[in-house]
Amino acid sequence: MPPVSMPPAEDARAIFSRLGYSVSGDGPEFVAERKWRTVRVTALSDGDDLNGRRLLADGGEPSNDYRFRCFVAPASETGAVQNRLASVDPGYEWAVIGVADDGDYDVHLPDAA
């Protein structure tokens, strides 16, 4: 029987909780806080999300409400999410977490250019 993966938002909450962040908010977007760092986390799951609709959730302009943003997506989609973020050059620091079917994950940061 293949491993069962949690929905992306649950994976994201579990990852941030294990890293010692307090998590608040419901749904696919929430805030994770630890010490001085506040991160807006967005779990991406469907085609609209992965093609950029929720990468810039305020209608196409980068949001400066949060200095740190993290996008959690299926591991197979992390390259596409990274490319989309790099192409719009948002006004925040970002990372992408790619979650595999077995729950393992990798953190991807922007390329240093």
PDB file of N, CA and C in Angstrom:
ATOM      1  N   MET A   1       0.842  -1.171   0.000  1.00  0.00           N
ATOM      2  CA  MET A   1       0.000   0.000   0.000  1.00  0.00           C
ATOM      3  C   MET A   1       0.895   1.245   0.000  1.00  0.00           C
ATOM      4  N   PRO A   2       0.655   2.209  -0.901  1.00  0.00           N
ATOM      5  CA  PRO A   2       1.494   3.399  -0.942  1.00  0.00           C
ATOM      6  C   PRO A   2       1.260   4.272   0.289  1.00  0.00           C
ATOM      7  N   PRO A   3       2.284   5.079   0.667  1.00  0.00           N
ATOM      8  CA  PRO A   3       2.115   5.950   1.821  1.00  0.00           C
ATOM      9  C   PRO A   3       1.012   6.973   1.564  1.00  0.00           C
ATOM     10  N   VAL A   4       0.346   7.363   2.628  1.00  0.00           N
ATOM     11  CA  VAL A   4      -0.714   8.357   2.532  1.00  0.00           C
ATOM     12  C   VAL A   4      -0.157   9.696   2.969  1.00  0.00           C
ATOM     13  N   SER A   5      -0.299  10.691   2.118  1.00  0.00           N
ATOM     14  CA  SER A   5       0.198  12.025   2.436  1.00  0.00           C
ATOM     15  C   SER A   5      -0.946  12.877   2.977  1.00  0.00           C
ATOM     16  N   MET A   6      -0.614  13.762   3.896  1.00  0.00           N
ATOM     17  CA  MET A   6      -1.596  14.698   4.412  1.00  0.00           C
ATOM     18  C   MET A   6      -1.850  15.780   3.363  1.00  0.00           C
ATOM     19  N   PRO A   7      -2.971  16.489   3.447  1.00  0.00           N
ATOM     20  CA  PRO A   7      -3.160  17.640   2.574  1.00  0.00           C
ATOM     21  C   PRO A   7      -2.026  18.647   2.794  1.00  0.00           C
ATOM     22  N   PRO A   8      -1.676  19.439   1.770  1.00  0.00           N
ATOM     23  CA  PRO A   8      -0.531  20.354   1.885  1.00  0.00           C
ATOM     24  C   PRO A   8      -0.583  21.277   3.102  1.00  0.00           C
ATOM     25  N   ALA A   9      -1.750  21.788   3.459  1.00  0.00           N
ATOM     26  CA  ALA A   9      -1.831  22.693   4.614  1.00  0.00           C
ATOM     27  C   ALA A   9      -1.487  21.960   5.906  1.00  0.00           C
ATOM     28  N   GLU A  10      -1.930  20.712   6.037  1.00  0.00           N
ATOM     29  CA  GLU A  10      -1.597  19.936   7.231  1.00  0.00           C
ATOM     30  C   GLU A  10      -0.112  19.603   7.266  1.00  0.00           C
ATOM     31  N   ASP A  11       0.457  19.248   6.110  1.00  0.00           N
ATOM     32  CA  ASP A  11       1.906  19.016   6.033  1.00  0.00           C
ATOM     33  C   ASP A  11       2.654  20.269   6.479  1.00  0.00           C
ATOM     34  N   ALA A  12       2.237  21.416   5.971  1.00  0.00           N
ATOM     35  CA  ALA A  12       2.913  22.679   6.294  1.00  0.00           C
ATOM     36  C   ALA A  12       2.841  22.959   7.791  1.00  0.00           C
ATOM     37  N   ARG A  13       1.667  22.806   8.382  1.00  0.00           N
ATOM     38  CA  ARG A  13       1.517  23.038   9.830  1.00  0.00           C
ATOM     39  C   ARG A  13       2.401  22.081  10.626  1.00  0.00           C
ATOM     40  N   ALA A  14       2.415  20.812  10.227  1.00  0.00           N
ATOM     41  CA  ALA A  14       3.219  19.825  10.941  1.00  0.00           C
ATOM     42  C   ALA A  14       4.706  20.163  10.853  1.00  0.00           C
ATOM     43  N   ILE A  15       5.164  20.560   9.688  1.00  0.00           N
ATOM     44  CA  ILE A  15       6.579  20.904   9.511  1.00  0.00           C
ATOM     45  C   ILE A  15       6.956  22.074  10.410  1.00  0.00           C
ATOM     46  N   PHE A  16       6.176  23.153  10.366  1.00  0.00           N
ATOM     47  CA  PHE A  16       6.507  24.336  11.169  1.00  0.00           C
ATOM     48  C   PHE A  16       6.376  24.053  12.660  1.00  0.00           C
ATOM     49  N   SER A  17       5.413  23.252  13.058  1.00  0.00           N
ATOM     50  CA  SER A  17       5.286  22.889  14.475  1.00  0.00           C
ATOM     51  C   SER A  17       6.494  22.103  14.949  1.00  0.00           C
ATOM     52  N   ARG A  18       6.960  21.126  14.129  1.00  0.00           N
ATOM     53  CA  ARG A  18       8.151  20.344  14.496  1.00  0.00           C
ATOM     54  C   ARG A  18       9.395  21.219  14.582  1.00  0.00           C
ATOM     55  N   LEU A  19       9.416  22.315  13.821  1.00  0.00           N
ATOM     56  CA  LEU A  19      10.562  23.230  13.858  1.00  0.00           C
ATOM     57  C   LEU A  19      10.481  24.220  15.025  1.00  0.00           C
ATOM     58  N   GLY A  20       9.440  24.113  15.843  1.00  0.00           N
ATOM     59  CA  GLY A  20       9.327  24.948  17.036  1.00  0.00           C
ATOM     60  C   GLY A  20       8.571  26.248  16.840  1.00  0.00           C
ATOM     61  N   TYR A  21       7.877  26.385  15.725  1.00  0.00           N
ATOM     62  CA  TYR A  21       7.079  27.594  15.485  1.00  0.00           C
ATOM     63  C   TYR A  21       5.698  27.426  16.095  1.00  0.00           C
ATOM     64  N   SER A  22       5.120  28.532  16.579  1.00  0.00           N
ATOM     65  CA  SER A  22       3.706  28.505  16.934  1.00  0.00           C
ATOM     66  C   SER A  22       2.937  28.882  15.674  1.00  0.00           C
ATOM     67  N   VAL A  23       1.873  28.162  15.419  1.00  0.00           N
ATOM     68  CA  VAL A  23       1.127  28.289  14.179  1.00  0.00           C
ATOM     69  C   VAL A  23      -0.258  28.835  14.495  1.00  0.00           C
ATOM     70  N   SER A  24      -0.687  29.864  13.735  1.00  0.00           N
ATOM     71  CA  SER A  24      -2.031  30.395  13.930  1.00  0.00           C
ATOM     72  C   SER A  24      -2.684  30.654  12.579  1.00  0.00           C
ATOM     73  N   GLY A  25      -3.992  30.450  12.544  1.00  0.00           N
ATOM     74  CA  GLY A  25      -4.742  30.635  11.304  1.00  0.00           C
ATOM     75  C   GLY A  25      -5.213  29.306  10.757  1.00  0.00           C
ATOM     76  N   ASP A  26      -6.292  29.370   9.993  1.00  0.00           N
ATOM     77  CA  ASP A  26      -6.879  28.178   9.396  1.00  0.00           C
ATOM     78  C   ASP A  26      -6.718  28.221   7.889  1.00  0.00           C
ATOM     79  N   GLY A  27      -6.956  27.090   7.268  1.00  0.00           N
ATOM     80  CA  GLY A  27      -6.932  27.036   5.818  1.00  0.00           C
ATOM     81  C   GLY A  27      -5.527  26.903   5.265  1.00  0.00           C
ATOM     82  N   PRO A  28      -5.374  27.166   3.960  1.00  0.00           N
ATOM     83  CA  PRO A  28      -4.081  26.966   3.302  1.00  0.00           C
ATOM     84  C   PRO A  28      -3.068  28.079   3.567  1.00  0.00           C
ATOM     85  N   GLU A  29      -3.478  29.154   4.225  1.00  0.00           N
ATOM     86  CA  GLU A  29      -2.535  30.211   4.583  1.00  0.00           C
ATOM     87  C   GLU A  29      -2.603  30.436   6.082  1.00  0.00           C
ATOM     88  N   PHE A  30      -1.429  30.553   6.694  1.00  0.00           N
ATOM     89  CA  PHE A  30      -1.362  30.770   8.130  1.00  0.00           C
ATOM     90  C   PHE A  30      -0.067  31.481   8.472  1.00  0.00           C
ATOM     91  N   VAL A  31       0.068  31.850   9.732  1.00  0.00           N
ATOM     92  CA  VAL A  31       1.259  32.535  10.211  1.00  0.00           C
ATOM     93  C   VAL A  31       1.982  31.618  11.176  1.00  0.00           C
ATOM     94  N   ALA A  32       3.298  31.525  11.014  1.00  0.00           N
ATOM     95  CA  ALA A  32       4.142  30.748  11.909  1.00  0.00           C
ATOM     96  C   ALA A  32       5.116  31.719  12.580  1.00  0.00           C
ATOM     97  N   GLU A  33       5.199  31.642  13.915  1.00  0.00           N
ATOM     98  CA  GLU A  33       6.055  32.570  14.657  1.00  0.00           C
ATOM     99  C   GLU A  33       6.999  31.812  15.580  1.00  0.00           C
ATOM    100  N   ARG A  34       8.220  32.319  15.635  1.00  0.00           N
ATOM    101  CA  ARG A  34       9.232  31.753  16.524  1.00  0.00           C
ATOM    102  C   ARG A  34      10.232  32.853  16.828  1.00  0.00           C
ATOM    103  N   LYS A  35      10.397  33.133  18.113  1.00  0.00           N
ATOM    104  CA  LYS A  35      11.276  34.209  18.562  1.00  0.00           C
ATOM    105  C   LYS A  35      10.938  35.485  17.817  1.00  0.00           C
ATOM    106  N   TRP A  36      11.854  36.039  17.066  1.00  0.00           N
ATOM    107  CA  TRP A  36      11.645  37.318  16.371  1.00  0.00           C
ATOM    108  C   TRP A  36      11.105  37.155  14.961  1.00  0.00           C
ATOM    109  N   ARG A  37      10.966  35.918  14.489  1.00  0.00           N
ATOM    110  CA  ARG A  37      10.614  35.679  13.089  1.00  0.00           C
ATOM    111  C   ARG A  37       9.139  35.338  12.933  1.00  0.00           C
ATOM    112  N   THR A  38       8.489  36.060  12.029  1.00  0.00           N
ATOM    113  CA  THR A  38       7.103  35.776  11.658  1.00  0.00           C
ATOM    114  C   THR A  38       7.088  35.447  10.171  1.00  0.00           C
ATOM    115  N   VAL A  39       6.544  34.280   9.839  1.00  0.00           N
ATOM    116  CA  VAL A  39       6.538  33.795   8.462  1.00  0.00           C
ATOM    117  C   VAL A  39       5.096  33.590   8.015  1.00  0.00           C
ATOM    118  N   ARG A  40       4.747  34.148   6.874  1.00  0.00           N
ATOM    119  CA  ARG A  40       3.448  33.850   6.268  1.00  0.00           C
ATOM    120  C   ARG A  40       3.646  32.597   5.421  1.00  0.00           C
ATOM    121  N   VAL A  41       2.891  31.557   5.725  1.00  0.00           N
ATOM    122  CA  VAL A  41       3.028  30.265   5.055  1.00  0.00           C
ATOM    123  C   VAL A  41       1.815  30.050   4.153  1.00  0.00           C
ATOM    124  N   THR A  42       2.078  29.626   2.924  1.00  0.00           N
ATOM    125  CA  THR A  42       1.021  29.340   1.965  1.00  0.00           C
ATOM    126  C   THR A  42       1.218  27.930   1.440  1.00  0.00           C
ATOM    127  N   ALA A  43       0.218  27.078   1.651  1.00  0.00           N
ATOM    128  CA  ALA A  43       0.249  25.712   1.122  1.00  0.00           C
ATOM    129  C   ALA A  43      -0.376  25.728  -0.263  1.00  0.00           C
ATOM    130  N   LEU A  44       0.369  25.261  -1.246  1.00  0.00           N
ATOM    131  CA  LEU A  44      -0.075  25.255  -2.638  1.00  0.00           C
ATOM    132  C   LEU A  44      -0.435  23.840  -3.044  1.00  0.00           C
ATOM    133  N   SER A  45      -1.607  23.685  -3.679  1.00  0.00           N
ATOM    134  CA  SER A  45      -2.008  22.320  -3.999  1.00  0.00           C
ATOM    135  C   SER A  45      -2.560  22.137  -5.397  1.00  0.00           C
ATOM    136  N   ASP A  46      -3.344  23.070  -5.907  1.00  0.00           N
ATOM    137  CA  ASP A  46      -3.960  22.843  -7.210  1.00  0.00           C
ATOM    138  C   ASP A  46      -3.305  23.690  -8.295  1.00  0.00           C
ATOM    139  N   GLY A  47      -3.774  23.523  -9.516  1.00  0.00           N
ATOM    140  CA  GLY A  47      -3.173  24.216 -10.651  1.00  0.00           C
ATOM    141  C   GLY A  47      -3.155  25.718 -10.511  1.00  0.00           C
ATOM    142  N   ASP A  48      -4.250  26.307 -10.006  1.00  0.00           N
ATOM    143  CA  ASP A  48      -4.282  27.762  -9.825  1.00  0.00           C
ATOM    144  C   ASP A  48      -3.214  28.210  -8.849  1.00  0.00           C
ATOM    145  N   ASP A  49      -3.093  27.485  -7.739  1.00  0.00           N
ATOM    146  CA  ASP A  49      -2.086  27.833  -6.746  1.00  0.00           C
ATOM    147  C   ASP A  49      -0.685  27.746  -7.338  1.00  0.00           C
ATOM    148  N   LEU A  50      -0.404  26.628  -7.994  1.00  0.00           N
ATOM    149  CA  LEU A  50       0.936  26.362  -8.485  1.00  0.00           C
ATOM    150  C   LEU A  50       1.317  27.259  -9.657  1.00  0.00           C
ATOM    151  N   ASN A  51       0.333  27.790 -10.384  1.00  0.00           N
ATOM    152  CA  ASN A  51       0.616  28.675 -11.510  1.00  0.00           C
ATOM    153  C   ASN A  51       0.725  30.140 -11.099  1.00  0.00           C
ATOM    154  N   GLY A  52       0.625  30.409  -9.827  1.00  0.00           N
ATOM    155  CA  GLY A  52       0.920  31.753  -9.380  1.00  0.00           C
ATOM    156  C   GLY A  52      -0.200  32.543  -8.759  1.00  0.00           C
ATOM    157  N   ARG A  53      -1.442  32.078  -8.839  1.00  0.00           N
ATOM    158  CA  ARG A  53      -2.540  32.858  -8.287  1.00  0.00           C
ATOM    159  C   ARG A  53      -2.300  33.191  -6.818  1.00  0.00           C
ATOM    160  N   ARG A  54      -1.846  32.228  -6.030  1.00  0.00           N
ATOM    161  CA  ARG A  54      -1.656  32.483  -4.608  1.00  0.00           C
ATOM    162  C   ARG A  54      -0.222  32.851  -4.255  1.00  0.00           C
ATOM    163  N   LEU A  55       0.662  32.881  -5.224  1.00  0.00           N
ATOM    164  CA  LEU A  55       2.010  33.360  -4.920  1.00  0.00           C
ATOM    165  C   LEU A  55       1.978  34.863  -4.655  1.00  0.00           C
ATOM    166  N   LEU A  56       1.091  35.546  -5.360  1.00  0.00           N
ATOM    167  CA  LEU A  56       0.874  36.973  -5.137  1.00  0.00           C
ATOM    168  C   LEU A  56      -0.601  37.132  -4.821  1.00  0.00           C
ATOM    169  N   ALA A  57      -0.971  36.831  -3.598  1.00  0.00           N
ATOM    170  CA  ALA A  57      -2.369  36.703  -3.221  1.00  0.00           C
ATOM    171  C   ALA A  57      -3.135  38.020  -3.210  1.00  0.00           C
ATOM    172  N   ASP A  58      -2.464  39.132  -3.362  1.00  0.00           N
ATOM    173  CA  ASP A  58      -3.167  40.410  -3.302  1.00  0.00           C
ATOM    174  C   ASP A  58      -3.478  40.958  -4.687  1.00  0.00           C
ATOM    175  N   GLY A  59      -3.675  40.094  -5.665  1.00  0.00           N
ATOM    176  CA  GLY A  59      -4.106  40.547  -6.981  1.00  0.00           C
ATOM    177  C   GLY A  59      -2.974  40.808  -7.943  1.00  0.00           C
ATOM    178  N   GLY A  60      -1.778  40.338  -7.656  1.00  0.00           N
ATOM    179  CA  GLY A  60      -0.697  40.469  -8.611  1.00  0.00           C
ATOM    180  C   GLY A  60       0.436  41.362  -8.167  1.00  0.00           C
ATOM    181  N   GLU A  61       0.284  42.013  -7.050  1.00  0.00           N
ATOM    182  CA  GLU A  61       1.361  42.851  -6.534  1.00  0.00           C
ATOM    183  C   GLU A  61       2.006  42.165  -5.337  1.00  0.00           C
ATOM    184  N   PRO A  62       3.328  42.273  -5.213  1.00  0.00           N
ATOM    185  CA  PRO A  62       3.970  41.671  -4.049  1.00  0.00           C
ATOM    186  C   PRO A  62       3.426  42.275  -2.757  1.00  0.00           C
ATOM    187  N   SER A  63       3.250  41.448  -1.758  1.00  0.00           N
ATOM    188  CA  SER A  63       2.756  41.910  -0.465  1.00  0.00           C
ATOM    189  C   SER A  63       3.931  42.177   0.459  1.00  0.00           C
ATOM    190  N   ASN A  64       3.950  43.347   1.044  1.00  0.00           N
ATOM    191  CA  ASN A  64       5.015  43.698   1.973  1.00  0.00           C
ATOM    192  C   ASN A  64       4.564  43.543   3.422  1.00  0.00           C
ATOM    193  N   ASP A  65       3.411  42.893   3.632  1.00  0.00           N
ATOM    194  CA  ASP A  65       2.916  42.696   4.987  1.00  0.00           C
ATOM    195  C   ASP A  65       3.839  41.804   5.801  1.00  0.00           C
ATOM    196  N   TYR A  66       4.503  40.882   5.144  1.00  0.00           N
ATOM    197  CA  TYR A  66       5.395  39.949   5.823  1.00  0.00           C
ATOM    198  C   TYR A  66       6.753  39.977   5.131  1.00  0.00           C
ATOM    199  N   ARG A  67       7.785  40.048   5.938  1.00  0.00           N
ATOM    200  CA  ARG A  67       9.140  40.050   5.388  1.00  0.00           C
ATOM    201  C   ARG A  67       9.541  38.658   4.905  1.00  0.00           C
ATOM    202  N   PHE A  68       9.001  37.631   5.573  1.00  0.00           N
ATOM    203  CA  PHE A  68       9.345  36.254   5.240  1.00  0.00           C
ATOM    204  C   PHE A  68       8.096  35.512   4.781  1.00  0.00           C
ATOM    205  N   ARG A  69       8.227  34.816   3.644  1.00  0.00           N
ATOM    206  CA  ARG A  69       7.134  34.002   3.112  1.00  0.00           C
ATOM    207  C   ARG A  69       7.684  32.611   2.823  1.00  0.00           C
ATOM    208  N   CYS A  70       6.863  31.616   3.035  1.00  0.00           N
ATOM    209  CA  CYS A  70       7.233  30.242   2.715  1.00  0.00           C
ATOM    210  C   CYS A  70       6.065  29.599   1.982  1.00  0.00           C
ATOM    211  N   PHE A  71       6.368  28.928   0.892  1.00  0.00           N
ATOM    212  CA  PHE A  71       5.367  28.241   0.085  1.00  0.00           C
ATOM    213  C   PHE A  71       5.639  26.748   0.188  1.00  0.00           C
ATOM    214  N   VAL A  72       4.615  25.988   0.537  1.00  0.00           N
ATOM    215  CA  VAL A  72       4.739  24.550   0.691  1.00  0.00           C
ATOM    216  C   VAL A  72       3.974  23.907  -0.460  1.00  0.00           C
ATOM    217  N   ALA A  73       4.670  23.059  -1.228  1.00  0.00           N
ATOM    218  CA  ALA A  73       4.091  22.462  -2.433  1.00  0.00           C
ATOM    219  C   ALA A  73       4.543  21.007  -2.543  1.00  0.00           C
ATOM    220  N   PRO A  74       3.863  20.238  -3.389  1.00  0.00           N
ATOM    221  CA  PRO A  74       4.359  18.885  -3.658  1.00  0.00           C
ATOM    222  C   PRO A  74       5.796  18.953  -4.188  1.00  0.00           C
ATOM    223  N   ALA A  75       6.600  17.988  -3.809  1.00  0.00           N
ATOM    224  CA  ALA A  75       8.018  17.993  -4.202  1.00  0.00           C
ATOM    225  C   ALA A  75       8.195  18.113  -5.712  1.00  0.00           C
ATOM    226  N   SER A  76       7.298  17.529  -6.474  1.00  0.00           N
ATOM    227  CA  SER A  76       7.415  17.571  -7.937  1.00  0.00           C
ATOM    228  C   SER A  76       7.194  18.967  -8.508  1.00  0.00           C
ATOM    229  N   GLU A  77       6.655  19.881  -7.730  1.00  0.00           N
ATOM    230  CA  GLU A  77       6.316  21.222  -8.222  1.00  0.00           C
ATOM    231  C   GLU A  77       7.248  22.320  -7.728  1.00  0.00           C
ATOM    232  N   THR A  78       8.239  21.977  -6.909  1.00  0.00           N
ATOM    233  CA  THR A  78       9.054  23.029  -6.297  1.00  0.00           C
ATOM    234  C   THR A  78       9.813  23.861  -7.327  1.00  0.00           C
ATOM    235  N   GLY A  79      10.300  23.243  -8.379  1.00  0.00           N
ATOM    236  CA  GLY A  79      11.020  23.999  -9.411  1.00  0.00           C
ATOM    237  C   GLY A  79      10.141  25.037 -10.073  1.00  0.00           C
ATOM    238  N   ALA A  80       8.908  24.662 -10.388  1.00  0.00           N
ATOM    239  CA  ALA A  80       7.978  25.602 -11.024  1.00  0.00           C
ATOM    240  C   ALA A  80       7.638  26.754 -10.092  1.00  0.00           C
ATOM    241  N   VAL A  81       7.446  26.468  -8.809  1.00  0.00           N
ATOM    242  CA  VAL A  81       7.134  27.524  -7.845  1.00  0.00           C
ATOM    243  C   VAL A  81       8.329  28.463  -7.698  1.00  0.00           C
ATOM    244  N   GLN A  82       9.524  27.902  -7.594  1.00  0.00           N
ATOM    245  CA  GLN A  82      10.730  28.735  -7.502  1.00  0.00           C
ATOM    246  C   GLN A  82      10.869  29.628  -8.731  1.00  0.00           C
ATOM    247  N   ASN A  83      10.681  29.065  -9.901  1.00  0.00           N
ATOM    248  CA  ASN A  83      10.807  29.860 -11.135  1.00  0.00           C
ATOM    249  C   ASN A  83       9.792  30.992 -11.175  1.00  0.00           C
ATOM    250  N   ARG A  84       8.564  30.702 -10.759  1.00  0.00           N
ATOM    251  CA  ARG A  84       7.522  31.737 -10.750  1.00  0.00           C
ATOM    252  C   ARG A  84       7.889  32.852  -9.782  1.00  0.00           C
ATOM    253  N   LEU A  85       8.335  32.513  -8.596  1.00  0.00           N
ATOM    254  CA  LEU A  85       8.723  33.529  -7.624  1.00  0.00           C
ATOM    255  C   LEU A  85       9.900  34.358  -8.127  1.00  0.00           C
ATOM    256  N   ALA A  86      10.883  33.698  -8.708  1.00  0.00           N
ATOM    257  CA  ALA A  86      12.050  34.425  -9.233  1.00  0.00           C
ATOM    258  C   ALA A  86      11.645  35.366 -10.363  1.00  0.00           C
ATOM    259  N   SER A  87      10.653  34.970 -11.157  1.00  0.00           N
ATOM    260  CA  SER A  87      10.256  35.807 -12.300  1.00  0.00           C
ATOM    261  C   SER A  87       9.503  37.063 -11.879  1.00  0.00           C
ATOM    262  N   VAL A  88       8.824  37.034 -10.734  1.00  0.00           N
ATOM    263  CA  VAL A  88       8.091  38.214 -10.287  1.00  0.00           C
ATOM    264  C   VAL A  88       8.890  39.048  -9.290  1.00  0.00           C
ATOM    265  N   ASP A  89       9.983  38.511  -8.786  1.00  0.00           N
ATOM    266  CA  ASP A  89      10.842  39.206  -7.842  1.00  0.00           C
ATOM    267  C   ASP A  89      10.032  39.923  -6.762  1.00  0.00           C
ATOM    268  N   PRO A  90       9.336  39.153  -5.901  1.00  0.00           N
ATOM    269  CA  PRO A  90       8.472  39.770  -4.893  1.00  0.00           C
ATOM    270  C   PRO A  90       9.271  40.573  -3.867  1.00  0.00           C
ATOM    271  N   GLY A  91       8.595  41.413  -3.151  1.00  0.00           N
ATOM    272  CA  GLY A  91       9.245  42.283  -2.175  1.00  0.00           C
ATOM    273  C   GLY A  91       9.391  41.647  -0.812  1.00  0.00           C
ATOM    274  N   TYR A  92       9.652  40.353  -0.768  1.00  0.00           N
ATOM    275  CA  TYR A  92       9.855  39.659   0.492  1.00  0.00           C
ATOM    276  C   TYR A  92      10.873  38.545   0.293  1.00  0.00           C
ATOM    277  N   GLU A  93      11.445  38.071   1.404  1.00  0.00           N
ATOM    278  CA  GLU A  93      12.331  36.913   1.356  1.00  0.00           C
ATOM    279  C   GLU A  93      11.442  35.672   1.330  1.00  0.00           C
ATOM    280  N   TRP A  94      11.834  34.679   0.506  1.00  0.00           N
ATOM    281  CA  TRP A  94      10.989  33.506   0.361  1.00  0.00           C
ATOM    282  C   TRP A  94      11.787  32.219   0.337  1.00  0.00           C
ATOM    283  N   ALA A  95      11.055  31.152   0.639  1.00  0.00           N
ATOM    284  CA  ALA A  95      11.572  29.791   0.528  1.00  0.00           C
ATOM    285  C   ALA A  95      10.425  28.913   0.059  1.00  0.00           C
ATOM    286  N   VAL A  96      10.774  27.781  -0.545  1.00  0.00           N
ATOM    287  CA  VAL A  96       9.786  26.802  -0.975  1.00  0.00           C
ATOM    288  C   VAL A  96      10.130  25.489  -0.291  1.00  0.00           C
ATOM    289  N   ILE A  97       9.133  24.878   0.317  1.00  0.00           N
ATOM    290  CA  ILE A  97       9.311  23.556   0.913  1.00  0.00           C
ATOM    291  C   ILE A  97       8.600  22.561   0.012  1.00  0.00           C
ATOM    292  N   GLY A  98       9.341  21.588  -0.488  1.00  0.00           N
ATOM    293  CA  GLY A  98       8.767  20.527  -1.312  1.00  0.00           C
ATOM    294  C   GLY A  98       8.522  19.302  -0.464  1.00  0.00           C
ATOM    295  N   VAL A  99       7.277  18.850  -0.407  1.00  0.00           N
ATOM    296  CA  VAL A  99       6.896  17.712   0.427  1.00  0.00           C
ATOM    297  C   VAL A  99       6.672  16.488  -0.452  1.00  0.00           C
ATOM    298  N   ALA A 100       7.383  15.411  -0.137  1.00  0.00           N
ATOM    299  CA  ALA A 100       7.233  14.142  -0.862  1.00  0.00           C
ATOM    300  C   ALA A 100       6.024  13.374  -0.338  1.00  0.00           C
ATOM    301  N   ASP A 101       5.598  12.375  -1.096  1.00  0.00           N
ATOM    302  CA  ASP A 101       4.448  11.554  -0.700  1.00  0.00           C
ATOM    303  C   ASP A 101       4.642  10.880   0.656  1.00  0.00           C
ATOM    304  N   ASP A 102       5.891  10.582   1.007  1.00  0.00           N
ATOM    305  CA  ASP A 102       6.141   9.909   2.287  1.00  0.00           C
ATOM    306  C   ASP A 102       6.287  10.880   3.451  1.00  0.00           C
ATOM    307  N   GLY A 103       6.105  12.191   3.187  1.00  0.00           N
ATOM    308  CA  GLY A 103       6.185  13.189   4.250  1.00  0.00           C
ATOM    309  C   GLY A 103       7.542  13.838   4.398  1.00  0.00           C
ATOM    310  N   ASP A 104       8.573  13.265   3.771  1.00  0.00           N
ATOM    311  CA  ASP A 104       9.882  13.918   3.799  1.00  0.00           C
ATOM    312  C   ASP A 104       9.783  15.237   3.058  1.00  0.00           C
ATOM    313  N   TYR A 105      10.652  16.163   3.413  1.00  0.00           N
ATOM    314  CA  TYR A 105      10.608  17.462   2.742  1.00  0.00           C
ATOM    315  C   TYR A 105      12.002  18.036   2.565  1.00  0.00           C
ATOM    316  N   ASP A 106      12.111  18.920   1.592  1.00  0.00           N
ATOM    317  CA  ASP A 106      13.339  19.654   1.313  1.00  0.00           C
ATOM    318  C   ASP A 106      13.002  21.126   1.255  1.00  0.00           C
ATOM    319  N   VAL A 107      13.935  21.956   1.738  1.00  0.00           N
ATOM    320  CA  VAL A 107      13.753  23.406   1.697  1.00  0.00           C
ATOM    321  C   VAL A 107      14.585  23.948   0.540  1.00  0.00           C
ATOM    322  N   HIS A 108      13.959  24.775  -0.295  1.00  0.00           N
ATOM    323  CA  HIS A 108      14.616  25.370  -1.447  1.00  0.00           C
ATOM    324  C   HIS A 108      14.605  26.879  -1.297  1.00  0.00           C
ATOM    325  N   LEU A 109      15.772  27.483  -1.384  1.00  0.00           N
ATOM    326  CA  LEU A 109      15.911  28.932  -1.263  1.00  0.00           C
ATOM    327  C   LEU A 109      16.185  29.529  -2.639  1.00  0.00           C
ATOM    328  N   PRO A 110      15.965  30.846  -2.794  1.00  0.00           N
ATOM    329  CA  PRO A 110      16.274  31.465  -4.089  1.00  0.00           C
ATOM    330  C   PRO A 110      17.754  31.288  -4.423  1.00  0.00           C
ATOM    331  N   ASP A 111      18.031  31.190  -5.707  1.00  0.00           N
ATOM    332  CA  ASP A 111      19.420  31.112  -6.140  1.00  0.00           C
ATOM    333  C   ASP A 111      20.100  32.436  -5.837  1.00  0.00           C
ATOM    334  N   ALA A 112      21.293  32.362  -5.275  1.00  0.00           N
ATOM    335  CA  ALA A 112      22.064  33.580  -5.037  1.00  0.00           C
ATOM    336  C   ALA A 112      22.645  34.032  -6.358  1.00  0.00           C
ATOM    337  N   ALA A 113      22.219  35.183  -6.808  1.00  0.00           N
ATOM    338  CA  ALA A 113      22.702  35.677  -8.100  1.00  0.00           C
ATOM    339  C   ALA A 113      23.486  36.944  -7.939  1.00  0.00           C
TER     340      ALA A 113
END
